C-alpha atoms as a PDB file:
ATOM      1  CA  MET A   1     184.424  18.712  92.103  1.00  0.00           C
ATOM      2  CA  LYS A   2     187.516  16.933  93.433  1.00  0.00           C
ATOM      3  CA  PRO A   3     189.164  17.953  96.697  1.00  0.00           C
ATOM      4  CA  GLN A   4     192.302  19.981  96.236  1.00  0.00           C
ATOM      5  CA  LYS A   5     195.336  18.005  97.433  1.00  0.00           C
ATOM      6  CA  ASP A   6     197.237  20.960  98.843  1.00  0.00           C
ATOM      7  CA  ILE A   7     194.529  21.788 101.413  1.00  0.00           C
ATOM      8  CA  PRO A   8     195.149  19.923 104.677  1.00  0.00           C
ATOM      9  CA  GLU A   9     192.417  17.939 106.423  1.00  0.00           C
ATOM     10  CA  LYS A  10     190.515  19.817 109.092  1.00  0.00           C
ATOM     11  CA  PRO A  11     187.782  19.005 111.622  1.00  0.00           C
ATOM     12  CA  CYS A  12     184.134  19.413 110.678  1.00  0.00           C
ATOM     13  CA  LEU A  13     182.506  22.352 112.461  1.00  0.00           C
ATOM     14  CA  VAL A  14     179.504  20.179 113.370  1.00  0.00           C
ATOM     15  CA  CYS A  15     180.776  16.618 114.079  1.00  0.00           C
ATOM     16  CA  ASP A  16     184.520  17.246 114.712  1.00  0.00           C
ATOM     17  CA  GLN A  17     185.508  14.440 112.304  1.00  0.00           C
ATOM     18  CA  LEU A  18     188.506  15.142 110.087  1.00  0.00           C
ATOM     19  CA  PHE A  19     187.593  15.681 106.421  1.00  0.00           C
ATOM     20  CA  GLN A  20     189.304  16.698 103.190  1.00  0.00           C
ATOM     21  CA  PRO A  21     187.840  20.115 102.272  1.00  0.00           C
ATOM     22  CA  TYR A  22     187.025  21.036  98.680  1.00  0.00           C
ATOM     23  CA  ARG A  23     188.273  24.563  99.210  1.00  0.00           C
ATOM     24  CA  GLU A  24     189.897  26.654 101.915  1.00  0.00           C
ATOM     25  CA  THR A  25     186.551  28.011 103.128  1.00  0.00           C
ATOM     26  CA  SER A  26     184.856  24.589 103.601  1.00  0.00           C
ATOM     27  CA  LEU A  27     183.612  24.301 107.174  1.00  0.00           C
ATOM     28  CA  ILE A  28     181.709  21.007 107.242  1.00  0.00           C
ATOM     29  CA  CYS A  29     182.102  17.469 105.926  1.00  0.00           C
ATOM     30  CA  LYS A  30     179.857  15.891 103.277  1.00  0.00           C
ATOM     31  CA  GLU A  31     177.569  14.044 105.726  1.00  0.00           C
ATOM     32  CA  TYR A  32     173.899  14.942 105.301  1.00  0.00           C
ATOM     33  CA  SER A  33     173.353  15.468 109.036  1.00  0.00           C
ATOM     34  CA  CYS A  34     176.219  17.969 109.167  1.00  0.00           C
ATOM     35  CA  LYS A  35     174.918  19.847 106.127  1.00  0.00           C
ATOM     36  CA  ARG A  36     171.426  19.933 107.655  1.00  0.00           C
ATOM     37  CA  GLU A  37     172.753  21.187 110.992  1.00  0.00           C
ATOM     38  CA  MET A  38     174.790  23.909 109.261  1.00  0.00           C
ATOM     39  CA  TYR A  39     171.667  24.970 107.372  1.00  0.00           C
ATOM     40  CA  ASN A  40     169.778  25.146 110.684  1.00  0.00           C
ATOM     41  CA  ILE A  41     172.563  27.214 112.286  1.00  0.00           C
ATOM     42  CA  ARG A  42     172.488  29.713 109.416  1.00  0.00           C
ATOM     43  CA  TRP A  43     168.663  29.783 109.435  1.00  0.00           C
ATOM     44  CA  ARG A  44     168.532  30.478 113.175  1.00  0.00           C
ATOM     45  CA  LYS A  45     171.159  33.197 112.805  1.00  0.00           C
ATOM     46  CA  TRP A  46     169.151  34.892 110.036  1.00  0.00           C
ATOM     47  CA  ARG A  47     165.818  34.308 111.797  1.00  0.00           C
ATOM     48  CA  ASP A  48     167.014  36.002 114.990  1.00  0.00           C
ATOM     49  CA  GLN A  49     168.044  39.226 113.230  1.00  0.00           C
ATOM     50  CA  PRO A  50     165.798  42.250 113.870  1.00  0.00           C
ATOM     51  CA  GLY A  51     162.975  42.521 111.332  1.00  0.00           C
ATOM     52  CA  SER A  52     163.302  38.995 109.955  1.00  0.00           C
ATOM     53  CA  ALA A  53     160.063  37.795 111.605  1.00  0.00           C
ATOM     54  CA  GLU A  54     158.116  40.391 109.626  1.00  0.00           C
ATOM     55  CA  LYS A  55     159.918  39.372 106.422  1.00  0.00           C
ATOM     56  CA  ILE A  56     159.085  35.706 107.047  1.00  0.00           C
ATOM     57  CA  LYS A  57     155.404  36.496 107.724  1.00  0.00           C
ATOM     58  CA  GLU A  58     155.191  38.719 104.651  1.00  0.00           C
ATOM     59  CA  ALA A  59     156.791  36.064 102.421  1.00  0.00           C
ATOM     60  CA  ARG A  60     154.469  33.358 103.807  1.00  0.00           C
ATOM     61  CA  ASP A  61     151.369  35.531 103.288  1.00  0.00           C
ATOM     62  CA  THR A  62     152.430  36.372  99.728  1.00  0.00           C
ATOM     63  CA  TRP A  63     153.039  32.673  99.013  1.00  0.00           C
ATOM     64  CA  ARG A  64     149.559  31.752 100.292  1.00  0.00           C
ATOM     65  CA  GLU A  65     147.868  34.572  98.333  1.00  0.00           C
ATOM     66  CA  GLU A  66     149.535  33.352  95.136  1.00  0.00           C
ATOM     67  CA  GLY A  67     148.182  29.809  95.468  1.00  0.00           C
ATOM     68  CA  GLY A  68     150.452  28.478  98.174  1.00  0.00           C
ATOM     69  CA  PRO A  69     150.513  24.724  98.637  1.00  0.00           C
ATOM     70  CA  ARG A  70     148.234  24.005  95.661  1.00  0.00           C
ATOM     71  CA  ARG A  71     150.499  25.958  93.303  1.00  0.00           C
ATOM     72  CA  THR A  72     153.578  24.242  94.705  1.00  0.00           C
ATOM     73  CA  GLU A  73     152.003  20.780  94.329  1.00  0.00           C
ATOM     74  CA  LEU A  74     150.938  21.400  90.717  1.00  0.00           C
ATOM     75  CA  LEU A  75     154.379  22.670  89.758  1.00  0.00           C
ATOM     76  CA  ARG A  76     156.293  19.928  91.571  1.00  0.00           C
ATOM     77  CA  LYS A  77     154.159  16.959  90.524  1.00  0.00           C
ATOM     78  CA  TYR A  78     152.930  17.958  87.055  1.00  0.00           C
ATOM     79  CA  ASN A  79     155.003  20.986  85.972  1.00  0.00           C
ATOM     80  CA  LEU A  80     151.680  22.817  85.671  1.00  0.00           C
ATOM     81  CA  THR A  81     151.144  26.438  86.729  1.00  0.00           C
ATOM     82  CA  LEU A  82     148.033  27.490  88.619  1.00  0.00           C
ATOM     83  CA  GLU A  83     146.941  29.534  85.592  1.00  0.00           C
ATOM     84  CA  GLU A  84     147.295  26.511  83.278  1.00  0.00           C
ATOM     85  CA  TYR A  85     145.275  24.412  85.753  1.00  0.00           C
ATOM     86  CA  ASP A  86     142.539  27.077  85.882  1.00  0.00           C
ATOM     87  CA  ASN A  87     142.414  27.222  82.061  1.00  0.00           C
ATOM     88  CA  LEU A  88     142.195  23.432  81.884  1.00  0.00           C
ATOM     89  CA  LEU A  89     139.414  23.477  84.473  1.00  0.00           C
ATOM     90  CA  LYS A  90     137.476  26.121  82.498  1.00  0.00           C
ATOM     91  CA  LYS A  91     137.884  24.050  79.329  1.00  0.00           C
ATOM     92  CA  THR A  92     136.696  20.787  80.917  1.00  0.00           C
ATOM     93  CA  GLY A  93     134.166  22.235  83.353  1.00  0.00           C
ATOM     94  CA  GLY A  94     134.952  19.619  85.985  1.00  0.00           C
ATOM     95  CA  CYS A  95     135.407  15.871  86.107  1.00  0.00           C
ATOM     96  CA  GLN A  96     135.684  14.505  82.589  1.00  0.00           C
ATOM     97  CA  ILE A  97     133.993  11.218  83.559  1.00  0.00           C
ATOM     98  CA  CYS A  98     131.092  12.043  85.901  1.00  0.00           C
ATOM     99  CA  GLY A  99     130.789  15.779  85.169  1.00  0.00           C
ATOM    100  CA  LYS A 100     130.913  16.916  88.804  1.00  0.00           C
ATOM    101  CA  SER A 101     132.622  20.233  89.543  1.00  0.00           C
ATOM    102  CA  GLU A 102     134.111  22.032  92.520  1.00  0.00           C
ATOM    103  CA  ALA A 103     130.785  23.858  92.828  1.00  0.00           C
ATOM    104  CA  ASP A 104     129.270  20.468  93.752  1.00  0.00           C
ATOM    105  CA  GLY A 105     131.726  20.248  96.659  1.00  0.00           C
ATOM    106  CA  VAL A 106     133.935  17.703  94.916  1.00  0.00           C
ATOM    107  CA  LYS A 107     137.748  17.828  95.098  1.00  0.00           C
ATOM    108  CA  LEU A 108     139.207  17.735  91.585  1.00  0.00           C
ATOM    109  CA  VAL A 109     142.632  16.264  90.849  1.00  0.00           C
ATOM    110  CA  VAL A 110     144.983  16.166  87.875  1.00  0.00           C
ATOM    111  CA  ASP A 111     144.924  12.732  86.211  1.00  0.00           C
ATOM    112  CA  HIS A 112     148.151  11.520  84.631  1.00  0.00           C
ATOM    113  CA  CYS A 113     149.605   8.351  83.152  1.00  0.00           C
ATOM    114  CA  HIS A 114     151.987   6.716  85.619  1.00  0.00           C
ATOM    115  CA  GLN A 115     154.137   5.187  82.856  1.00  0.00           C
ATOM    116  CA  THR A 116     154.659   8.308  80.720  1.00  0.00           C
ATOM    117  CA  ASN A 117     153.790  10.949  83.362  1.00  0.00           C
ATOM    118  CA  LYS A 118     151.733  12.783  80.715  1.00  0.00           C
ATOM    119  CA  LEU A 119     148.641  14.683  81.853  1.00  0.00           C
ATOM    120  CA  ARG A 120     145.312  13.208  80.756  1.00  0.00           C
ATOM    121  CA  GLY A 121     142.856  15.671  82.241  1.00  0.00           C
ATOM    122  CA  ILE A 122     140.968  16.634  85.375  1.00  0.00           C
ATOM    123  CA  LEU A 123     138.910  14.116  87.340  1.00  0.00           C
ATOM    124  CA  CYS A 124     137.182  13.991  90.700  1.00  0.00           C
ATOM    125  CA  ARG A 125     138.908  11.911  93.346  1.00  0.00           C
ATOM    126  CA  GLY A 126     136.368   9.104  93.040  1.00  0.00           C
ATOM    127  CA  CYS A 127     136.752   8.684  89.272  1.00  0.00           C
ATOM    128  CA  ASN A 128     140.541   8.992  89.501  1.00  0.00           C
ATOM    129  CA  ALA A 129     140.656   6.312  92.212  1.00  0.00           C
ATOM    130  CA  SER A 130     138.357   4.077  90.142  1.00  0.00           C
ATOM    131  CA  LEU A 131     140.679   4.298  87.148  1.00  0.00           C
ATOM    132  CA  GLY A 132     143.606   3.482  89.384  1.00  0.00           C
ATOM    133  CA  GLN A 133     141.824   0.464  90.876  1.00  0.00           C
ATOM    134  CA  LEU A 134     141.140  -0.805  87.365  1.00  0.00           C
ATOM    135  CA  GLY A 135     144.838  -0.525  86.566  1.00  0.00           C
ATOM    136  CA  ASP A 136     144.417   2.336  84.069  1.00  0.00           C
ATOM    137  CA  THR A 137     143.903  -0.202  81.263  1.00  0.00           C
ATOM    138  CA  LEU A 138     141.203  -0.079  78.611  1.00  0.00           C
ATOM    139  CA  GLU A 139     140.750  -3.853  78.869  1.00  0.00           C
ATOM    140  CA  SER A 140     139.853  -3.664  82.571  1.00  0.00           C
ATOM    141  CA  ILE A 141     137.489  -0.755  81.974  1.00  0.00           C
ATOM    142  CA  GLN A 142     135.808  -2.602  79.077  1.00  0.00           C
ATOM    143  CA  ASN A 143     135.422  -5.689  81.292  1.00  0.00           C
ATOM    144  CA  ALA A 144     133.797  -3.517  83.965  1.00  0.00           C
ATOM    145  CA  ILE A 145     131.377  -2.068  81.396  1.00  0.00           C
ATOM    146  CA  GLU A 146     130.459  -5.547  80.134  1.00  0.00           C
ATOM    147  CA  TYR A 147     129.993  -6.722  83.719  1.00  0.00           C
ATOM    148  CA  LEU A 148     127.602  -3.867  84.474  1.00  0.00           C
ATOM    149  CA  GLU A 149     125.660  -4.424  81.251  1.00  0.00           C
ATOM    150  CA  ASN A 150     125.270  -8.164  81.858  1.00  0.00           C
ATOM    151  CA  SER A 151     124.998  -8.335  85.651  1.00  0.00           C
ATOM    152  CA  SER A 152     121.195  -7.955  85.892  1.00  0.00           C
ATOM    153  CA  ASP A 153     120.687 -10.687  83.268  1.00  0.00           C
ATOM    154  CA  PHE A 154     123.102 -12.956  85.129  1.00  0.00           C
ATOM    155  CA  ILE A 155     121.248 -12.609  88.446  1.00  0.00           C
ATOM    156  CA  ALA A 156     117.889 -13.255  86.749  1.00  0.00           C
ATOM    157  CA  GLU A 157     119.255 -16.370  85.007  1.00  0.00           C
ATOM    158  CA  PHE A 158     120.875 -17.570  88.244  1.00  0.00           C
ATOM    159  CA  ARG A 159     117.569 -17.271  90.139  1.00  0.00           C
ATOM    160  CA  CYS A 160     115.708 -19.152  87.411  1.00  0.00           C
ATOM    161  CA  GLU A 161     118.262 -21.976  87.603  1.00  0.00           C
ATOM    162  CA  GLN A 162     117.908 -22.081  91.398  1.00  0.00           C
ATOM    163  CA  ASP A 163     114.107 -22.276  91.089  1.00  0.00           C
ATOM    164  CA  ARG A 164     114.381 -25.164  88.590  1.00  0.00           C
ATOM    165  CA  LEU A 165     116.708 -27.097  90.858  1.00  0.00           C
ATOM    166  CA  GLU A 166     114.292 -26.920  93.798  1.00  0.00           C
END
């Protein structure tokens, strides 16, 4: 939206700097700090009205009962509702790598591809962190599997070589 040319400049209600308003009713300039302060002024004005404390408490309690921070995180990060998460959890039963569940006292997280942002499933924090440390690549995971399969043979061969050298 472009400022209207026929509206004269006026001082910002918050910082007193002159600004070109977008419309006659504009009170503040476009600076973030001024917008934030105006929001705080309006919030305090509403908050101090009789009965607003009860409304705030009621809204907060309702938000927590409906899933609160977990629901907000799932929606914001993964566009996933709490119901969809619960259905996915019922389908998988827990971590899709180690099989642990929330009943085992393990925190489960939503695993997703960082390049495409597509959901892959539900994992425990340990398995999710392990995938991340391996760079989420099949090649790294395959190398780790081969390492684990061959590591005991390698140590045995190494010890035999050390014994021969002595």
